[in-house]
Amino acid sequence: MSVVLTTASVPDQDKLAYWCDAVGRELVPMTVTPRSDRPFSGRIATDRLGCVRVSTMQADAKRISRTPELVARSPEALVAVGIQVSGSATLIQDGRRSDVSEGDLVVYDTARPYSFDYPERFSTHVFQLPHRALGVTDAGIRQAAGTVIGPGNGFGAVLRPFLSTLAGSAHSYSGAVGDKLADSVIDLVATLVAEGTRRVPVHTDTSRSDLVRRVRTHIDRRLGDPALSPEAVAKAHHISVRYLHRLFEGEGITIGRLIQQRRLEECARELARRGRTVPTVSAVAQRWGFVSPAHFSRAFRTAYGLSPREWRSLRTSAEGSGAPGPDILPAVAPPAVAHG
């Protein structure tokens, strides 16, 4: 459902302040310079597709600026792609001037200061997505910022109609369809950035390993949450599900199997402990995020070759006798789900 903010019913003296707040909430904080010959007028409609924010904006602004102070107060770095629906604009970023005509696409970076000058009332679609979702280096994004692609350009001729249609219909998609469309937008924008830098999108080994480590830590901290899923992990890290899966291609395990493996490992450890109070098998399963006891039992037997109760009985009896466990007692890590 679209969020629509408009100055139509706002008193004239409050319109500019209202609009600055609206732009700050739906896009990123910016300063707005109005025209002096008439009361300010503006409208913005915003939808979300996964981690991609889609906005359509019309306004009488003479200039919109993202100052260094506003950049410093923003926690997230975003890449933006604008489609000039009507009017024209001039983007200035990193000392480069880019003239944007009606129908053009333009790339810019909200993590660094920029400004747009508008000689007349304008309308634009804006797609914003996190830096990290693209798998492109910051240097690559910096190099691509200011790239303008006209509607006659080969890639622009394909990308512009898709993004324009998406901007007009974003409100109508379910969450699952929106996530898939967001993946497509991310891939296309990554290609657009690569065109601007004349290089293939890359993710440095260091940044990739750091992100993998953060994802693993996130999973370990939230194993007890039944809602933990690849989709939830991707959302928490502001990346697409497709890119999350791509990250783990070299890890020897999928995200879904990693979550299940770590849950089973913690259940196995807890079931093997001896103590005065012994929690039930179902209580252990629930504590580590398993909703269905039957599913937990099947998954546990597949991983360890024993039922949870058999595991508990044999592990605790072996530890109580002081003898090493028999050969039928595997290591805690479940080999059956460690790959795939």
Protein backbone atom coordinates (compact mmCIF):
# COMPACT_ATOMS: atom_id res chain seq x y z
CA MET A 1 0.00 0.00 0.00
CA SER A 2 1.43 3.36 -1.04
CA VAL A 3 2.36 6.07 1.44
CA VAL A 4 1.17 9.33 -0.15
CA LEU A 5 2.19 12.71 1.24
CA THR A 6 0.99 15.96 -0.37
CA THR A 7 0.98 19.65 0.43
CA ALA A 8 -2.51 20.07 -1.11
CA SER A 9 -4.31 20.54 2.22
CA VAL A 10 -1.41 22.12 4.15
CA PRO A 11 -1.55 25.89 4.88
CA ASP A 12 0.71 27.86 2.53
CA GLN A 13 3.04 28.99 5.30
CA ASP A 14 3.64 25.37 6.37
CA LYS A 15 3.97 23.72 2.96
CA LEU A 16 7.76 23.91 2.65
CA ALA A 17 8.44 22.56 6.15
CA TYR A 18 5.92 19.77 5.56
CA TRP A 19 7.55 18.87 2.28
CA CYS A 20 11.09 18.82 3.71
CA ASP A 21 9.90 16.42 6.41
CA ALA A 22 8.11 14.25 3.83
CA VAL A 23 11.17 13.99 1.59
CA GLY A 24 13.38 13.21 4.59
CA ARG A 25 11.14 10.35 5.65
CA GLU A 26 10.40 8.82 2.27
CA LEU A 27 13.73 9.43 0.50
CA VAL A 28 16.65 10.87 2.48
CA PRO A 29 16.94 14.15 4.43
CA MET A 30 17.56 17.09 2.09
CA THR A 31 17.24 20.85 2.07
CA VAL A 32 14.63 22.26 -0.34
CA THR A 33 14.80 25.68 -2.00
CA PRO A 34 11.37 26.78 -3.25
CA ARG A 35 10.45 29.11 -6.09
CA SER A 36 9.53 32.57 -4.90
CA ASP A 37 6.79 33.33 -7.40
CA ARG A 38 4.09 31.01 -6.00
CA PRO A 39 3.16 28.90 -2.93
CA PHE A 40 5.13 25.65 -2.74
CA SER A 41 3.41 22.50 -4.03
CA GLY A 42 4.63 18.92 -3.80
CA ARG A 43 3.49 15.29 -3.71
CA ILE A 44 5.35 12.05 -3.04
CA ALA A 45 4.06 8.47 -3.17
CA THR A 46 6.26 5.63 -1.88
CA ASP A 47 6.14 1.83 -1.92
CA ARG A 48 8.55 -0.89 -0.89
CA LEU A 49 9.61 -3.95 -2.87
CA GLY A 50 11.83 -5.95 -0.55
CA CYS A 51 14.82 -3.74 0.24
CA VAL A 52 14.06 -1.41 -2.68
CA ARG A 53 12.15 1.81 -2.02
CA VAL A 54 10.19 3.16 -4.98
CA SER A 55 8.97 6.77 -4.93
CA THR A 56 7.27 9.09 -7.40
CA MET A 57 7.75 12.77 -6.67
CA GLN A 58 6.34 15.97 -8.18
CA ALA A 59 7.28 19.39 -6.82
CA ASP A 60 7.87 23.08 -7.48
CA ALA A 61 11.32 22.98 -5.86
CA LYS A 62 14.02 25.08 -7.45
CA ARG A 63 16.80 23.08 -5.80
CA ILE A 64 17.08 19.98 -3.61
CA SER A 65 20.40 19.53 -1.81
CA ARG A 66 21.96 16.77 0.26
CA THR A 67 24.53 18.52 2.41
CA PRO A 68 27.55 16.95 4.16
CA GLU A 69 25.79 17.49 7.51
CA LEU A 70 22.72 15.56 6.35
CA VAL A 71 24.88 12.77 4.92
CA ALA A 72 26.71 12.44 8.26
CA ARG A 73 23.40 11.98 10.11
CA SER A 74 22.16 9.19 7.82
CA PRO A 75 22.99 5.63 8.92
CA GLU A 76 22.55 3.87 5.58
CA ALA A 77 24.32 4.35 2.23
CA LEU A 78 21.92 4.13 -0.71
CA VAL A 79 22.31 4.10 -4.46
CA ALA A 80 19.52 5.93 -6.27
CA VAL A 81 18.31 5.69 -9.84
CA GLY A 82 16.06 8.52 -11.01
CA ILE A 83 13.82 8.52 -14.06
CA GLN A 84 12.93 12.02 -15.22
CA VAL A 85 9.23 11.76 -16.01
CA SER A 86 8.67 15.45 -16.80
CA GLY A 87 10.76 18.59 -16.69
CA SER A 88 14.55 18.60 -16.64
CA ALA A 89 17.23 18.64 -13.96
CA THR A 90 20.92 19.20 -13.36
CA LEU A 91 22.68 16.87 -10.94
CA ILE A 92 25.91 18.00 -9.31
CA GLN A 93 27.88 15.38 -7.37
CA ASP A 94 31.62 15.09 -6.74
CA GLY A 95 32.11 18.25 -8.80
CA ARG A 96 30.58 16.64 -11.89
CA ARG A 97 27.59 18.20 -13.64
CA SER A 98 25.03 15.92 -15.29
CA ASP A 99 22.14 17.33 -17.32
CA VAL A 100 19.03 15.15 -17.13
CA SER A 101 16.29 15.54 -19.72
CA GLU A 102 12.78 14.11 -19.81
CA GLY A 103 12.99 10.33 -20.24
CA ASP A 104 16.59 10.04 -18.98
CA LEU A 105 17.86 7.75 -16.24
CA VAL A 106 20.44 9.10 -13.78
CA VAL A 107 22.49 7.34 -11.08
CA TYR A 108 23.56 9.06 -7.85
CA ASP A 109 24.82 8.16 -4.39
CA THR A 110 23.10 9.33 -1.20
CA ALA A 111 26.25 8.60 0.84
CA ARG A 112 27.93 11.70 -0.59
CA PRO A 113 26.65 15.28 -1.01
CA TYR A 114 24.75 16.20 -4.15
CA SER A 115 22.17 18.65 -5.45
CA PHE A 116 19.49 18.78 -8.14
CA ASP A 117 18.54 22.05 -9.83
CA TYR A 118 15.14 22.25 -11.56
CA PRO A 119 14.27 25.08 -14.00
CA GLU A 120 10.57 24.18 -13.81
CA ARG A 121 8.08 21.97 -11.99
CA PHE A 122 9.19 18.38 -12.33
CA SER A 123 8.11 14.78 -11.85
CA THR A 124 10.50 11.87 -11.24
CA HIS A 125 10.55 8.23 -10.22
CA VAL A 126 13.26 7.38 -7.68
CA PHE A 127 14.50 3.87 -6.87
CA GLN A 128 16.69 3.58 -3.78
CA LEU A 129 18.54 0.46 -2.67
CA PRO A 130 21.37 -0.24 -0.21
CA HIS A 131 24.98 -0.17 -1.38
CA ARG A 132 25.60 -3.60 0.06
CA ALA A 133 22.81 -5.19 -1.97
CA LEU A 134 24.60 -4.48 -5.25
CA GLY A 135 27.83 -6.38 -4.72
CA VAL A 136 29.71 -3.39 -6.16
CA THR A 137 32.62 -1.60 -4.49
CA ASP A 138 32.17 1.90 -3.10
CA ALA A 139 34.76 3.07 -5.63
CA GLY A 140 32.65 1.61 -8.42
CA ILE A 141 29.55 3.39 -7.15
CA ARG A 142 31.46 6.66 -6.89
CA GLN A 143 32.66 6.27 -10.46
CA ALA A 144 29.14 5.50 -11.75
CA ALA A 145 27.47 8.41 -9.90
CA GLY A 146 26.33 11.04 -12.36
CA THR A 147 25.83 8.56 -15.19
CA VAL A 148 22.93 9.64 -17.42
CA ILE A 149 21.35 7.15 -19.84
CA GLY A 150 18.95 8.40 -22.49
CA PRO A 151 15.88 6.46 -23.64
CA GLY A 152 17.59 5.71 -26.96
CA ASN A 153 20.57 4.01 -25.29
CA GLY A 154 20.55 0.21 -25.71
CA PHE A 155 20.44 -0.60 -22.00
CA GLY A 156 18.27 2.40 -21.18
CA ALA A 157 15.75 1.33 -23.80
CA VAL A 158 15.27 -1.91 -21.84
CA LEU A 159 15.60 -0.61 -18.29
CA ARG A 160 13.49 2.55 -18.43
CA PRO A 161 10.16 0.89 -19.45
CA PHE A 162 10.60 -1.81 -16.81
CA LEU A 163 11.33 0.65 -13.99
CA SER A 164 8.60 3.06 -15.11
CA THR A 165 6.01 0.27 -15.16
CA LEU A 166 7.22 -0.95 -11.79
CA ALA A 167 6.95 2.54 -10.28
CA GLY A 168 3.32 2.76 -11.34
CA SER A 169 2.35 -0.70 -10.11
CA ALA A 170 4.55 -1.26 -7.03
CA HIS A 171 1.57 -0.89 -4.69
CA SER A 172 -0.21 -3.88 -6.23
CA TYR A 173 2.33 -6.65 -5.53
CA SER A 174 2.31 -9.12 -2.66
CA GLY A 175 5.34 -9.34 -0.40
CA ALA A 176 6.63 -12.51 -2.09
CA VAL A 177 6.29 -11.04 -5.60
CA GLY A 178 7.79 -7.77 -4.39
CA ASP A 179 10.88 -9.58 -3.11
CA LYS A 180 11.40 -11.28 -6.47
CA LEU A 181 10.96 -7.99 -8.32
CA ALA A 182 13.44 -6.35 -5.93
CA ASP A 183 15.99 -9.01 -6.89
CA SER A 184 15.48 -8.10 -10.55
CA VAL A 185 15.88 -4.38 -9.81
CA ILE A 186 19.08 -5.06 -7.87
CA ASP A 187 20.58 -7.10 -10.71
CA LEU A 188 19.64 -4.47 -13.30
CA VAL A 189 20.99 -1.58 -11.23
CA ALA A 190 24.21 -3.52 -10.57
CA THR A 191 24.54 -3.91 -14.34
CA LEU A 192 23.82 -0.20 -14.80
CA VAL A 193 26.54 0.69 -12.30
CA ALA A 194 28.91 -1.73 -14.02
CA GLU A 195 28.15 0.00 -17.34
CA GLY A 196 29.05 3.31 -15.71
CA THR A 197 32.34 1.95 -14.42
CA ARG A 198 33.05 -0.31 -17.41
CA ARG A 199 33.63 -3.23 -15.07
CA VAL A 200 31.82 -6.34 -13.90
CA PRO A 201 30.09 -6.03 -10.51
CA VAL A 202 32.35 -7.41 -7.80
CA HIS A 203 32.30 -7.86 -4.08
CA THR A 204 35.76 -7.73 -2.53
CA ASP A 205 36.91 -10.83 -0.64
CA THR A 206 37.26 -8.80 2.55
CA SER A 207 33.81 -7.23 2.44
CA ARG A 208 32.24 -10.54 1.43
CA SER A 209 33.84 -12.45 4.31
CA ASP A 210 32.84 -9.69 6.73
CA LEU A 211 29.24 -9.91 5.59
CA VAL A 212 29.23 -13.72 5.80
CA ARG A 213 30.57 -13.46 9.35
CA ARG A 214 27.89 -10.93 10.30
CA VAL A 215 25.19 -13.17 8.84
CA ARG A 216 26.45 -16.19 10.80
CA THR A 217 26.54 -14.15 14.01
CA HIS A 218 23.03 -12.87 13.35
CA ILE A 219 21.78 -16.44 12.87
CA ASP A 220 23.45 -17.66 16.07
CA ARG A 221 21.86 -14.87 18.09
CA ARG A 222 18.36 -15.54 16.77
CA LEU A 223 18.17 -19.32 16.57
CA GLY A 224 15.28 -19.37 19.03
CA ASP A 225 13.11 -17.20 16.79
CA PRO A 226 10.79 -19.45 14.76
CA ALA A 227 10.51 -16.67 12.16
CA LEU A 228 14.25 -16.84 11.39
CA SER A 229 14.47 -17.57 7.66
CA PRO A 230 16.57 -16.63 4.63
CA GLU A 231 14.08 -13.84 3.93
CA ALA A 232 14.36 -12.49 7.49
CA VAL A 233 18.18 -12.69 7.42
CA ALA A 234 18.33 -10.86 4.08
CA LYS A 235 15.99 -8.14 5.31
CA ALA A 236 18.02 -7.62 8.51
CA HIS A 237 21.16 -7.06 6.42
CA HIS A 238 19.48 -4.92 3.75
CA ILE A 239 20.33 -7.29 0.92
CA SER A 240 18.21 -9.37 -1.42
CA VAL A 241 17.53 -13.05 -0.81
CA ARG A 242 19.21 -13.81 -4.12
CA TYR A 243 22.38 -12.01 -3.09
CA LEU A 244 22.32 -13.75 0.32
CA HIS A 245 22.25 -17.13 -1.41
CA ARG A 246 25.02 -15.97 -3.74
CA LEU A 247 27.14 -15.01 -0.71
CA PHE A 248 26.91 -18.54 0.67
CA GLU A 249 27.63 -20.38 -2.58
CA GLY A 250 31.23 -20.78 -1.47
CA GLU A 251 30.36 -21.78 2.10
CA GLY A 252 29.31 -25.35 1.32
CA ILE A 253 25.84 -24.89 2.82
CA THR A 254 22.65 -23.01 2.04
CA ILE A 255 21.20 -20.45 4.44
CA GLY A 256 18.14 -22.60 5.20
CA ARG A 257 20.28 -25.64 5.99
CA LEU A 258 22.69 -23.54 8.06
CA ILE A 259 19.81 -22.33 10.25
CA GLN A 260 18.55 -25.89 10.73
CA GLN A 261 22.05 -27.25 11.37
CA ARG A 262 22.77 -24.68 14.06
CA ARG A 263 19.40 -25.32 15.72
CA LEU A 264 20.03 -29.07 15.75
CA GLU A 265 23.51 -28.60 17.18
CA GLU A 266 22.19 -26.53 20.08
CA CYS A 267 19.37 -29.03 20.72
CA ALA A 268 21.88 -31.90 20.70
CA ARG A 269 24.13 -30.12 23.20
CA GLU A 270 21.25 -29.32 25.53
CA LEU A 271 19.80 -32.83 25.38
CA ALA A 272 23.22 -34.28 26.28
CA ARG A 273 23.55 -32.22 29.48
CA ARG A 274 22.92 -33.83 32.83
CA GLY A 275 21.36 -31.95 35.70
CA ARG A 276 18.68 -31.93 38.37
CA THR A 277 16.04 -30.47 36.10
CA VAL A 278 15.80 -32.06 32.70
CA PRO A 279 13.68 -30.17 30.13
CA THR A 280 11.39 -32.15 27.89
CA VAL A 281 12.43 -32.84 24.32
CA SER A 282 9.63 -30.61 23.04
CA ALA A 283 10.73 -27.77 25.34
CA VAL A 284 14.30 -28.00 24.00
CA ALA A 285 13.05 -28.03 20.42
CA GLN A 286 10.84 -25.01 21.01
CA ARG A 287 13.63 -23.08 22.74
CA TRP A 288 15.77 -23.41 19.62
CA GLY A 289 13.13 -22.39 17.11
CA PHE A 290 11.41 -25.62 16.10
CA VAL A 291 7.64 -25.15 15.99
CA SER A 292 6.60 -28.71 15.18
CA PRO A 293 7.82 -31.51 17.50
CA ALA A 294 7.26 -34.05 14.70
CA HIS A 295 9.39 -32.06 12.27
CA PHE A 296 12.10 -31.67 14.90
CA SER A 297 12.19 -35.42 15.57
CA ARG A 298 12.44 -36.24 11.87
CA ALA A 299 15.17 -33.68 11.28
CA PHE A 300 17.12 -34.85 14.34
CA ARG A 301 16.96 -38.53 13.32
CA THR A 302 18.03 -37.65 9.77
CA ALA A 303 21.02 -35.72 11.10
CA TYR A 304 22.15 -38.01 13.93
CA GLY A 305 20.65 -41.41 13.18
CA LEU A 306 18.91 -41.41 16.57
CA SER A 307 15.70 -39.97 17.94
CA PRO A 308 16.12 -37.05 20.37
CA ARG A 309 15.18 -39.32 23.30
CA GLU A 310 17.62 -42.03 22.24
CA TRP A 311 20.35 -39.39 21.88
CA ARG A 312 19.65 -38.05 25.37
CA SER A 313 19.60 -41.50 26.94
CA LEU A 314 22.82 -42.72 25.34
CA ARG A 315 24.75 -39.48 25.79
CA THR A 316 23.83 -39.02 29.45
CA SER A 317 24.42 -42.69 30.33
CA ALA A 318 27.84 -42.62 28.64
CA GLU A 319 28.85 -39.46 30.49
CA GLY A 320 27.49 -40.80 33.78
CA SER A 321 29.59 -43.97 33.53
CA GLY A 322 32.75 -42.02 32.72
CA ALA A 323 33.36 -44.23 29.69
CA PRO A 324 33.77 -42.94 26.18
CA GLY A 325 30.60 -42.91 24.16
CA PRO A 326 29.99 -45.91 21.88
CA ASP A 327 30.53 -45.68 18.16
CA ILE A 328 26.85 -45.01 17.54
CA LEU A 329 27.16 -41.62 19.22
CA PRO A 330 28.19 -39.13 16.54
CA ALA A 331 29.80 -35.77 17.06
CA VAL A 332 27.46 -32.90 17.89
CA ALA A 333 27.68 -31.37 14.41
CA PRO A 334 25.02 -33.09 12.27
CA PRO A 335 26.72 -34.30 9.09
CA ALA A 336 23.45 -34.93 7.27
CA VAL A 337 22.65 -31.23 7.06
CA ALA A 338 26.16 -29.81 6.91
CA HIS A 339 26.14 -29.72 3.12
CA GLY A 340 23.75 -28.75 0.36
